[in-house]
Protein backbone atom coordinates (compact mmCIF):
# COMPACT_ATOMS: atom_id res chain seq x y z
CA MET A 1 -0.13 -0.29 -0.18
CA SER A 2 0.97 3.33 -0.64
CA HIS A 3 2.39 6.14 1.77
CA PRO A 4 1.99 9.91 1.97
CA GLY A 5 4.10 11.60 -0.35
CA ALA A 6 5.27 8.10 -2.20
CA ALA A 7 4.90 7.94 -5.58
CA PRO A 8 2.01 6.45 -7.31
CA LEU A 9 2.29 2.51 -7.63
CA ARG A 10 2.30 0.93 -10.95
CA GLN A 11 -0.82 -0.59 -12.08
CA LEU A 12 0.00 -4.29 -12.34
CA LEU A 13 -0.91 -5.97 -15.81
CA VAL A 14 -1.85 -9.33 -14.81
CA THR A 15 -1.06 -11.63 -17.98
CA ARG A 16 -2.77 -14.92 -16.95
CA PRO A 17 -5.51 -16.57 -19.01
CA GLN A 18 -9.22 -15.81 -17.51
CA PRO A 19 -10.86 -16.62 -15.20
CA GLN A 20 -7.53 -16.53 -13.15
CA ALA A 21 -6.49 -13.14 -14.22
CA ASP A 22 -9.61 -11.58 -12.69
CA GLU A 23 -9.29 -13.41 -9.78
CA TRP A 24 -5.88 -11.93 -8.91
CA VAL A 25 -6.90 -8.48 -9.89
CA GLU A 26 -9.53 -8.74 -6.92
CA ARG A 27 -6.86 -10.23 -5.14
CA LEU A 28 -4.20 -7.47 -5.36
CA ARG A 29 -6.70 -4.63 -5.44
CA GLY A 30 -7.93 -5.97 -2.20
CA LEU A 31 -4.25 -5.42 -0.70
CA GLY A 32 -4.18 -1.68 -2.42
CA GLN A 33 -2.09 -2.75 -5.46
CA PRO A 34 -3.65 -1.12 -8.76
CA ALA A 35 -3.69 -3.62 -11.42
CA CYS A 36 -5.84 -4.61 -14.41
CA ALA A 37 -6.69 -8.34 -16.78
CA ALA A 38 -4.13 -8.28 -19.43
CA PRO A 39 -4.72 -12.09 -20.71
CA LEU A 40 -1.86 -13.06 -23.11
CA MET A 41 -2.71 -16.79 -22.90
CA VAL A 42 -6.59 -18.00 -24.34
CA ILE A 43 -7.84 -21.32 -22.77
CA GLU A 44 -9.67 -23.09 -25.28
CA PRO A 45 -11.88 -26.16 -24.86
CA VAL A 46 -11.14 -28.77 -27.78
CA ALA A 47 -14.25 -30.77 -28.78
CA ALA A 48 -11.57 -33.56 -29.92
CA PHE A 49 -10.35 -34.04 -26.49
CA ALA A 50 -13.71 -34.46 -24.96
CA ALA A 51 -14.01 -38.25 -25.44
CA ALA A 52 -10.67 -38.94 -23.86
CA VAL A 53 -11.24 -36.89 -20.90
CA GLN A 54 -14.28 -38.83 -20.19
CA ALA A 55 -13.06 -42.18 -20.53
CA ALA A 56 -9.90 -41.09 -18.02
CA TRP A 57 -12.70 -40.36 -15.55
CA GLN A 58 -14.01 -43.97 -15.69
CA ARG A 59 -10.51 -45.23 -14.79
CA LEU A 60 -9.63 -42.34 -12.25
CA ALA A 61 -9.98 -45.43 -9.42
CA ASP A 62 -7.15 -47.10 -11.19
CA CYS A 63 -4.43 -44.37 -10.96
CA ARG A 64 -2.48 -43.94 -7.83
CA MET A 65 -2.24 -40.04 -8.71
CA VAL A 66 -3.58 -37.55 -11.00
CA MET A 67 -1.73 -34.33 -11.61
CA PHE A 68 -2.87 -31.25 -12.88
CA VAL A 69 -0.65 -28.74 -13.78
CA SER A 70 -2.67 -25.35 -13.55
CA PRO A 71 -6.13 -24.22 -12.03
CA ASN A 72 -7.31 -24.70 -16.06
CA ALA A 73 -6.39 -28.17 -15.94
CA VAL A 74 -8.35 -28.96 -13.53
CA LEU A 75 -11.28 -26.76 -14.76
CA GLN A 76 -11.33 -28.44 -18.34
CA PHE A 77 -10.80 -31.82 -16.47
CA PHE A 78 -13.57 -31.63 -14.32
CA ALA A 79 -16.25 -29.79 -17.10
CA GLN A 80 -16.10 -33.61 -18.51
CA ARG A 81 -16.78 -35.09 -15.47
CA PRO A 82 -19.74 -37.82 -15.83
CA ALA A 83 -22.83 -36.81 -13.91
CA GLY A 84 -22.86 -38.23 -10.38
CA LEU A 85 -19.52 -39.81 -10.26
CA PRO A 86 -17.44 -38.63 -7.20
CA TRP A 87 -13.51 -38.29 -7.01
CA PRO A 88 -11.98 -41.67 -6.33
CA THR A 89 -11.08 -42.06 -2.61
CA ASP A 90 -7.31 -43.84 -3.02
CA THR A 91 -6.31 -41.46 -5.97
CA LEU A 92 -4.26 -38.58 -5.11
CA ALA A 93 -4.67 -35.28 -6.55
CA ALA A 94 -1.59 -33.39 -7.42
CA ALA A 95 -0.73 -29.70 -7.82
CA THR A 96 2.33 -27.70 -8.35
CA GLY A 97 1.10 -24.30 -6.66
CA PRO A 98 -1.87 -22.85 -4.35
CA GLY A 99 -3.87 -21.58 -7.34
CA THR A 100 -4.69 -25.21 -8.81
CA VAL A 101 -5.07 -26.45 -4.94
CA ALA A 102 -7.60 -24.04 -4.81
CA ALA A 103 -8.94 -25.11 -7.77
CA LEU A 104 -9.31 -28.69 -6.69
CA GLN A 105 -11.15 -27.88 -3.21
CA SER A 106 -13.62 -25.91 -5.22
CA LYS A 107 -14.45 -29.10 -7.22
CA GLY A 108 -14.80 -30.74 -4.20
CA VAL A 109 -11.70 -33.08 -3.98
CA ALA A 110 -10.52 -33.66 -0.11
CA ALA A 111 -7.74 -31.40 1.51
CA ALA A 112 -6.41 -35.22 2.34
CA GLN A 113 -6.06 -36.19 -0.86
CA ILE A 114 -4.20 -33.26 -2.33
CA VAL A 115 -0.63 -33.04 -2.88
CA ALA A 116 1.25 -30.02 -3.41
CA PRO A 117 4.45 -28.20 -1.91
CA ALA A 118 4.33 -26.46 0.67
CA ALA A 119 3.00 -23.02 1.37
CA ASP A 120 6.24 -21.38 2.46
CA ALA A 121 8.22 -23.18 -0.72
CA ASP A 122 11.06 -21.03 -2.21
CA GLN A 123 9.73 -21.89 -5.55
CA PHE A 124 6.20 -23.91 -6.97
CA ASP A 125 7.00 -26.34 -9.74
CA ALA A 126 7.12 -30.15 -10.44
CA GLU A 127 10.70 -30.10 -9.25
CA THR A 128 9.61 -28.97 -5.89
CA LEU A 129 6.36 -30.83 -5.74
CA TRP A 130 8.75 -34.23 -6.51
CA LEU A 131 11.11 -33.47 -3.83
CA GLN A 132 8.54 -32.49 -1.05
CA ARG A 133 5.71 -35.00 -1.33
CA LEU A 134 6.10 -37.47 -4.49
CA GLU A 135 9.98 -38.88 -4.07
CA SER A 136 9.67 -40.69 -0.77
CA GLN A 137 6.62 -42.57 -2.21
CA THR A 138 6.57 -45.98 -3.69
CA TRP A 139 5.88 -45.56 -7.24
CA ALA A 140 7.15 -49.08 -9.40
CA GLY A 141 3.99 -50.06 -11.17
CA ARG A 142 1.50 -47.51 -10.29
CA GLN A 143 -0.94 -45.84 -12.87
CA VAL A 144 -0.11 -42.10 -12.86
CA LEU A 145 -2.53 -39.51 -15.31
CA ILE A 146 -1.16 -36.03 -15.86
CA VAL A 147 -3.60 -33.62 -17.03
CA ARG A 148 -2.44 -30.46 -18.99
CA GLY A 149 -2.78 -28.44 -22.60
CA GLU A 150 -1.41 -29.81 -25.39
CA ASP A 151 1.67 -29.90 -24.75
CA GLY A 152 3.81 -28.97 -21.85
CA ARG A 153 7.05 -29.75 -20.02
CA ASP A 154 7.98 -33.44 -19.81
CA TRP A 155 9.95 -33.34 -16.54
CA LEU A 156 7.51 -34.86 -13.61
CA ALA A 157 6.55 -37.63 -16.22
CA SER A 158 9.93 -38.82 -16.94
CA THR A 159 11.14 -38.49 -13.32
CA LEU A 160 8.24 -40.72 -12.32
CA ARG A 161 8.81 -43.44 -15.65
CA HIS A 162 12.38 -43.62 -13.75
CA HIS A 163 11.19 -45.00 -10.96
CA GLY A 164 8.82 -47.32 -12.54
CA ALA A 165 5.29 -45.64 -12.47
CA GLN A 166 3.16 -45.50 -15.97
CA VAL A 167 2.68 -42.51 -16.84
CA ASP A 168 -0.28 -41.10 -18.86
CA LEU A 169 -0.29 -37.45 -20.68
CA LEU A 170 -3.80 -36.14 -21.22
CA ALA A 171 -4.52 -33.16 -22.79
CA ALA A 172 -7.84 -31.18 -21.71
CA TYR A 173 -7.27 -27.93 -23.67
CA ARG A 174 -5.62 -25.93 -26.37
CA ARG A 175 -3.20 -22.43 -25.11
CA THR A 176 -3.34 -20.15 -27.81
CA ALA A 177 -2.31 -16.39 -28.05
CA PRO A 178 -5.21 -13.76 -27.57
CA ALA A 179 -6.64 -11.56 -30.04
CA TRP A 180 -4.89 -8.51 -30.14
CA SER A 181 -7.29 -6.24 -30.53
CA GLY A 182 -10.04 -4.56 -28.80
CA GLU A 183 -9.96 -3.57 -25.24
CA LEU A 184 -6.36 -5.62 -24.65
CA LEU A 185 -4.94 -3.50 -27.95
CA ASP A 186 -5.92 -0.29 -26.47
CA LEU A 187 -4.60 -1.21 -22.87
CA LEU A 188 -1.42 -2.08 -24.68
CA GLN A 189 -1.52 1.20 -26.49
CA ARG A 190 -1.68 3.02 -22.82
CA VAL A 191 0.99 0.87 -21.50
CA ARG A 192 3.17 2.15 -24.76
CA GLN A 193 2.54 5.73 -24.35
CA ARG A 194 3.16 5.79 -20.64
CA PRO A 195 5.59 3.15 -19.38
CA GLN A 196 6.24 4.66 -16.14
CA ASP A 197 2.77 4.00 -15.08
CA TYR A 198 2.86 0.35 -14.99
CA ALA A 199 4.09 -3.27 -14.45
CA TRP A 200 4.25 -6.89 -15.93
CA LEU A 201 2.76 -9.80 -13.86
CA PHE A 202 4.28 -12.44 -15.58
CA SER A 203 3.23 -16.43 -14.92
CA SER A 204 4.05 -18.04 -18.12
CA SER A 205 6.61 -18.70 -20.14
CA GLN A 206 4.51 -18.95 -23.31
CA ALA A 207 2.45 -15.77 -22.55
CA ILE A 208 5.83 -13.87 -22.65
CA GLY A 209 6.33 -15.36 -26.21
CA HIS A 210 3.17 -14.67 -27.21
CA LEU A 211 3.46 -11.16 -26.34
CA ALA A 212 7.15 -10.68 -27.54
CA ALA A 213 6.10 -12.31 -31.40
CA PHE A 214 3.29 -9.86 -31.38
CA MET A 215 5.69 -6.83 -30.97
CA GLN A 216 7.23 -8.12 -33.91
CA THR A 217 4.86 -7.14 -35.77
CA ALA A 218 6.04 -3.48 -35.33
CA PRO A 219 9.23 -3.41 -33.24
CA GLN A 220 9.45 0.45 -33.65
CA ALA A 221 5.82 0.96 -32.11
CA TRP A 222 6.01 -1.40 -29.34
CA ARG A 223 10.01 -1.29 -28.21
CA ALA A 224 8.52 0.62 -25.00
CA LEU A 225 6.86 -2.69 -23.59
CA HIS A 226 10.42 -3.97 -23.09
CA ASP A 227 10.94 -0.50 -20.50
CA VAL A 228 7.56 -1.75 -18.42
CA PRO A 229 9.19 -3.62 -15.44
CA ALA A 230 8.31 -7.05 -14.65
CA VAL A 231 7.10 -9.62 -11.84
CA ALA A 232 7.61 -13.45 -12.91
CA THR A 233 6.27 -15.95 -10.71
CA HIS A 234 9.21 -18.51 -11.49
CA LEU A 235 12.94 -18.27 -12.22
CA ARG A 236 12.08 -19.76 -15.45
CA ILE A 237 9.68 -17.26 -15.86
CA ALA A 238 11.85 -14.44 -15.47
CA GLN A 239 14.65 -15.84 -17.51
CA THR A 240 12.50 -16.28 -20.32
CA ALA A 241 11.48 -12.47 -20.25
CA THR A 242 15.15 -11.24 -20.05
CA SER A 243 16.18 -13.43 -22.85
CA LEU A 244 13.45 -11.80 -24.81
CA GLY A 245 14.46 -8.30 -23.77
CA TRP A 246 12.93 -7.37 -20.85
CA ARG A 247 15.55 -5.03 -18.82
CA THR A 248 14.01 -5.09 -15.04
CA VAL A 249 12.33 -8.48 -14.22
CA LEU A 250 11.56 -9.43 -10.46
CA PRO A 251 10.82 -13.40 -9.59
CA LEU A 252 8.79 -14.09 -6.86
CA THR A 253 6.72 -16.66 -5.70
CA PRO A 254 3.00 -16.15 -6.87
CA ASP A 255 1.62 -14.78 -3.38
CA ALA A 256 -0.39 -11.69 -3.91
CA ALA A 257 0.71 -10.43 -0.89
CA LEU A 258 4.28 -10.52 -1.60
CA ILE A 259 4.09 -9.09 -4.71
CA ALA A 260 1.88 -6.02 -3.65
CA ALA A 261 4.72 -5.39 -0.98
CA SER A 262 7.49 -5.56 -3.38
CA MET A 263 6.00 -3.52 -6.06
CA GLN A 264 8.20 -0.21 -4.07
CA THR A 265 11.24 -1.97 -5.69
CA LEU A 266 10.83 -2.08 -9.29
CA ASP A 267 11.54 1.83 -9.38
């Protein structure tokens, strides 16, 4: 929160896909941090994936664990849930971060069945999930399902297979670039004109790639977007932003209170 005499806080551009973008904006504003939604990724249901997702629900009880890579993986998977089919009592639901944990709980998965990094973990990712919650378990012969988009990182799948698990990857949705028009384009124009008033909140390397590709369509016009400082919710994401030309990038865990408290350090 700003103090009398302090410079106005930059408005955070929340680049997560919807509905998470609006949820984060509300959370940040509640902490006194100006924010607005600027989704740089769109989550698209794919009709061709529906049958495979519905079939996965039917064999869920055979899985020792279902790992969800994001809140949207949870939403898209549960959107195809057969009516009346409960979450199996012996199947774990794994998440790499608090947003995915919250999404699972909102769908009725019991807290005792959810495995995720500790709330105070230094990073929220598959490596931390493995080290803190999964490495000590026996995986030989166990079935694991990983719910994600059309593609993604294979580190956890490879690690589980190395320890004897039978791992299936399930595409439940598609991640695409946004339409560069309407409200989003108007917002980017305002950011370009007054970069000193804004800061990015990046939560996906792919989303940064979408923005960088858009900027290449008119590099002279959009160069100022690189001058806008950024917060990145993982070190890998920060490295992506730096490699694509962002000059000031602050890596932080995806904690709204921590991010809001750190905004003064961007100036």
